[in-house]
Amino acid sequence: MTLPNHLIPPLLAGIGWAAAAISVLWAVRAAPWEALRSAPGRLNLVVLAVPFLLGMWSLNATLMPGLTLHFLGAATVTLVIGLELTLIAGLVAALLLPLIVGGGLAIAGWTFVLSLLVPAVMTYGITRASQRWMPPNFFIYLFVGVFLSAVLGVIAHGAGTALLVMAMGLYDFDIIWNNYLRVLPLLAFPEGVINGMIMTALALVSPSLVISFDDHHYIDGR
């Protein structure tokens, strides 16, 4: 989402930035810094996550000011580097996005919350639940942890964006439904497919790069 600063009510901007700050402060405290120090090569993945997210978010189609369709990529990043590091990389991407595609920084907190925090937490929760309650099957990992979480992340992102623009008084529900929510499924399925293709390649070619995937657990002996 890109909007000029004057269209964002200060209270809403503050709420978005507060949510972003709280989540990233938690991520900084909980991040596996010791593991990164022992495997510095993984730090490259965290750094690469920033341009990856920026690239996904920059590929957008603006339906109306404030209502933009774009890929998220949050599911892939979360599955590869973990939730905590994803939040840190995502905040950097949200701060850099206005410099690339325009808009003000007032909305950047909500960009982080809706484009990264919500889908990343959903991906983490769905994947952990599937690992705990479902059989250790590679296709379950791909369909539930990767594809389904990416699709639901897009839907949650779209619903949150719709509520936010209504709270700002930009559009009423009928306009949002007819011009945005009705076409949202056209993005949700490709998001799942793209995330599925990337994660399939990583899991099969270099499973050690994917923190959420254990090839001994999912593949060996099956």
Protein backbone atom coordinates (compact mmCIF):
# COMPACT_ATOMS: atom_id res chain seq x y z
CA MET A 1 0.00 0.00 0.00
CA THR A 2 1.35 3.42 -0.98
CA LEU A 3 -0.40 6.64 0.01
CA PRO A 4 0.81 10.21 0.60
CA ASN A 5 1.26 11.19 4.22
CA HIS A 6 -1.58 13.73 4.26
CA LEU A 7 -4.19 11.03 3.60
CA ILE A 8 -3.22 9.01 6.70
CA PRO A 9 -4.88 10.09 9.97
CA PRO A 10 -2.13 10.49 12.59
CA LEU A 11 -3.86 8.11 15.00
CA LEU A 12 -4.05 5.32 12.41
CA ALA A 13 -0.46 5.92 11.36
CA GLY A 14 0.60 5.72 15.00
CA ILE A 15 -1.26 2.44 15.52
CA GLY A 16 0.44 0.91 12.51
CA TRP A 17 3.88 2.02 13.62
CA ALA A 18 3.23 0.88 17.20
CA ALA A 19 2.27 -2.60 16.00
CA ALA A 20 5.35 -2.71 13.77
CA ALA A 21 7.67 -1.54 16.54
CA ILE A 22 6.34 -3.98 19.14
CA SER A 23 6.59 -6.96 16.80
CA VAL A 24 10.11 -6.09 15.62
CA LEU A 25 11.35 -5.45 19.16
CA TRP A 26 10.09 -8.91 20.08
CA ALA A 27 11.79 -10.34 16.98
CA VAL A 28 15.12 -8.71 17.86
CA ARG A 29 15.00 -10.22 21.35
CA ALA A 30 13.85 -13.66 20.18
CA ALA A 31 15.93 -14.01 17.01
CA PRO A 32 18.46 -16.88 16.94
CA TRP A 33 21.56 -14.69 16.93
CA GLU A 34 23.78 -17.45 18.32
CA ALA A 35 22.77 -19.75 15.48
CA LEU A 36 23.55 -17.01 12.96
CA ARG A 37 26.99 -16.52 14.45
CA SER A 38 27.71 -20.23 14.20
CA ALA A 39 26.41 -20.38 10.61
CA PRO A 40 27.19 -16.96 9.12
CA GLY A 41 26.16 -18.13 5.68
CA ARG A 42 22.55 -17.94 6.78
CA LEU A 43 22.98 -14.22 7.33
CA ASN A 44 23.14 -13.89 3.55
CA LEU A 45 19.60 -15.29 3.38
CA VAL A 46 18.39 -12.60 5.77
CA VAL A 47 20.03 -9.90 3.66
CA LEU A 48 18.61 -11.37 0.44
CA ALA A 49 15.14 -11.44 1.98
CA VAL A 50 14.98 -7.63 1.80
CA PRO A 51 15.35 -7.26 -2.01
CA PHE A 52 13.17 -10.35 -2.49
CA LEU A 53 10.32 -8.75 -0.53
CA LEU A 54 10.84 -5.41 -2.24
CA GLY A 55 10.69 -7.10 -5.62
CA MET A 56 7.48 -8.94 -4.77
CA TRP A 57 5.82 -5.82 -3.35
CA SER A 58 6.94 -3.65 -6.27
CA LEU A 59 5.19 -5.90 -8.80
CA ASN A 60 1.82 -4.29 -8.21
CA ALA A 61 -1.33 -3.20 -9.95
CA THR A 62 -3.10 -0.19 -8.47
CA LEU A 63 -6.84 -0.65 -8.82
CA MET A 64 -7.63 2.59 -6.98
CA PRO A 65 -5.48 4.84 -4.76
CA GLY A 66 -4.80 2.81 -1.63
CA LEU A 67 -6.08 -0.42 -3.16
CA THR A 68 -3.16 -2.25 -4.70
CA LEU A 69 -2.73 -5.87 -5.71
CA HIS A 70 0.77 -7.24 -5.29
CA PHE A 71 2.52 -10.46 -4.37
CA LEU A 72 3.61 -10.81 -0.75
CA GLY A 73 6.40 -13.40 -0.58
CA ALA A 74 6.02 -13.48 3.19
CA ALA A 75 5.31 -17.22 3.31
CA THR A 76 8.51 -18.11 1.48
CA VAL A 77 10.70 -15.85 3.61
CA THR A 78 9.14 -17.10 6.84
CA LEU A 79 9.63 -20.74 5.90
CA VAL A 80 13.25 -20.15 4.86
CA ILE A 81 14.66 -17.91 7.60
CA GLY A 82 12.09 -18.16 10.39
CA LEU A 83 9.51 -15.78 11.82
CA GLU A 84 11.80 -13.54 13.88
CA LEU A 85 14.29 -12.77 11.13
CA THR A 86 11.46 -12.34 8.64
CA LEU A 87 9.99 -9.55 10.76
CA ILE A 88 13.34 -7.77 10.94
CA ALA A 89 13.95 -8.04 7.18
CA GLY A 90 10.35 -7.04 6.50
CA LEU A 91 10.62 -3.80 8.44
CA VAL A 92 13.70 -2.83 6.42
CA ALA A 93 11.78 -3.59 3.22
CA ALA A 94 8.76 -1.57 4.37
CA LEU A 95 10.99 1.43 5.09
CA LEU A 96 12.70 1.20 1.70
CA LEU A 97 9.51 0.66 -0.32
CA PRO A 98 8.42 4.35 -0.44
CA LEU A 99 11.82 5.24 -1.89
CA ILE A 100 11.24 2.79 -4.74
CA VAL A 101 7.53 3.08 -5.59
CA GLY A 102 6.65 6.42 -4.00
CA GLY A 103 4.29 7.34 -1.21
CA GLY A 104 4.95 8.51 2.32
CA LEU A 105 6.38 6.86 5.40
CA ALA A 106 3.20 7.33 7.43
CA ILE A 107 1.64 4.25 5.85
CA ALA A 108 4.85 2.17 6.05
CA GLY A 109 3.90 0.77 9.46
CA TRP A 110 0.68 -0.62 8.03
CA THR A 111 2.54 -1.88 4.95
CA PHE A 112 4.70 -3.92 7.30
CA VAL A 113 1.72 -5.15 9.34
CA LEU A 114 -0.50 -6.13 6.41
CA SER A 115 2.06 -7.26 3.83
CA LEU A 116 4.39 -9.09 6.20
CA LEU A 117 3.44 -9.42 9.86
CA VAL A 118 -0.02 -10.91 9.36
CA PRO A 119 0.88 -13.39 6.55
CA ALA A 120 4.16 -14.33 8.26
CA VAL A 121 2.46 -15.13 11.57
CA MET A 122 -0.22 -17.10 9.71
CA THR A 123 2.43 -19.08 7.83
CA TYR A 124 4.32 -19.83 11.02
CA GLY A 125 1.18 -20.91 12.87
CA ILE A 126 -0.20 -23.06 10.04
CA THR A 127 3.15 -24.75 9.44
CA ARG A 128 3.73 -25.51 13.12
CA ALA A 129 0.19 -26.86 13.46
CA SER A 130 0.61 -29.10 10.40
CA GLN A 131 3.93 -30.40 11.71
CA ARG A 132 2.38 -31.22 15.06
CA TRP A 133 -0.99 -32.62 14.03
CA MET A 134 -0.48 -34.02 10.51
CA PRO A 135 1.67 -36.88 9.16
CA PRO A 136 5.28 -35.97 8.21
CA ASN A 137 4.54 -36.00 4.49
CA PHE A 138 6.39 -33.83 1.98
CA PHE A 139 3.20 -33.06 0.06
CA ILE A 140 1.40 -32.02 3.23
CA TYR A 141 4.27 -29.63 3.93
CA LEU A 142 3.97 -28.16 0.43
CA PHE A 143 0.18 -27.94 0.29
CA VAL A 144 -0.58 -26.85 3.85
CA GLY A 145 2.57 -25.12 5.08
CA VAL A 146 3.46 -23.46 1.78
CA PHE A 147 0.51 -23.20 -0.63
CA LEU A 148 -2.39 -22.86 1.81
CA SER A 149 -0.60 -20.46 4.14
CA ALA A 150 0.37 -18.24 1.20
CA VAL A 151 -3.21 -18.17 -0.12
CA LEU A 152 -4.69 -17.39 3.29
CA GLY A 153 -2.03 -14.74 3.83
CA VAL A 154 -3.16 -12.89 0.69
CA ILE A 155 -6.80 -13.07 1.79
CA ALA A 156 -5.92 -11.76 5.26
CA HIS A 157 -3.81 -9.01 3.69
CA GLY A 158 -6.70 -7.99 1.45
CA ALA A 159 -9.25 -8.02 4.25
CA GLY A 160 -6.96 -5.93 6.44
CA THR A 161 -6.34 -3.45 3.63
CA ALA A 162 -10.07 -3.11 3.04
CA LEU A 163 -10.73 -2.41 6.72
CA LEU A 164 -7.88 0.11 6.84
CA VAL A 165 -9.04 2.19 3.86
CA MET A 166 -12.58 2.18 5.24
CA ALA A 167 -11.25 3.36 8.61
CA MET A 168 -9.46 6.18 6.78
CA GLY A 169 -12.73 7.12 5.08
CA LEU A 170 -11.35 6.73 1.57
CA TYR A 171 -14.03 4.39 0.21
CA ASP A 172 -17.21 2.67 1.34
CA PHE A 173 -17.66 -1.10 1.38
CA ASP A 174 -19.48 -1.33 -1.96
CA ILE A 175 -16.61 0.34 -3.81
CA ILE A 176 -14.03 -1.84 -2.05
CA TRP A 177 -16.00 -5.01 -2.72
CA ASN A 178 -16.59 -4.33 -6.41
CA ASN A 179 -13.12 -2.97 -7.21
CA TYR A 180 -10.86 -4.90 -4.85
CA LEU A 181 -12.18 -7.79 -2.80
CA ARG A 182 -13.89 -9.50 -5.72
CA VAL A 183 -10.64 -9.73 -7.67
CA LEU A 184 -8.47 -10.68 -4.68
CA PRO A 185 -8.76 -14.45 -5.36
CA LEU A 186 -7.09 -13.82 -8.74
CA LEU A 187 -3.93 -12.98 -6.78
CA ALA A 188 -4.29 -15.50 -3.95
CA PHE A 189 -3.93 -18.61 -6.12
CA PRO A 190 -0.84 -17.38 -8.05
CA GLU A 191 0.74 -16.38 -4.73
CA GLY A 192 0.34 -19.95 -3.52
CA VAL A 193 1.71 -21.36 -6.75
CA ILE A 194 4.77 -19.08 -6.79
CA ASN A 195 5.58 -19.79 -3.15
CA GLY A 196 5.06 -23.50 -3.82
CA MET A 197 7.46 -23.51 -6.77
CA ILE A 198 10.17 -21.66 -4.86
CA MET A 199 9.86 -23.83 -1.76
CA THR A 200 9.77 -27.05 -3.76
CA ALA A 201 13.01 -26.11 -5.49
CA LEU A 202 14.71 -25.11 -2.24
CA ALA A 203 13.51 -28.15 -0.30
CA LEU A 204 14.68 -30.59 -2.97
CA VAL A 205 17.90 -28.91 -4.09
CA SER A 206 19.17 -27.35 -0.86
CA PRO A 207 17.02 -28.35 2.13
CA SER A 208 19.61 -27.07 4.60
CA LEU A 209 18.66 -23.52 3.59
CA VAL A 210 15.05 -23.96 4.70
CA ILE A 211 14.71 -23.64 8.45
CA SER A 212 11.17 -25.06 8.49
CA PHE A 213 12.06 -28.17 6.48
CA ASP A 214 13.79 -31.30 7.74
CA ASP A 215 14.48 -33.68 4.87
CA HIS A 216 15.11 -36.56 7.29
CA HIS A 217 11.68 -35.95 8.80
CA TYR A 218 9.75 -35.53 5.55
CA ILE A 219 11.58 -37.62 2.95
CA ASP A 220 14.04 -40.19 4.33
CA GLY A 221 12.56 -43.62 4.59
CA ARG A 222 9.25 -42.61 3.03
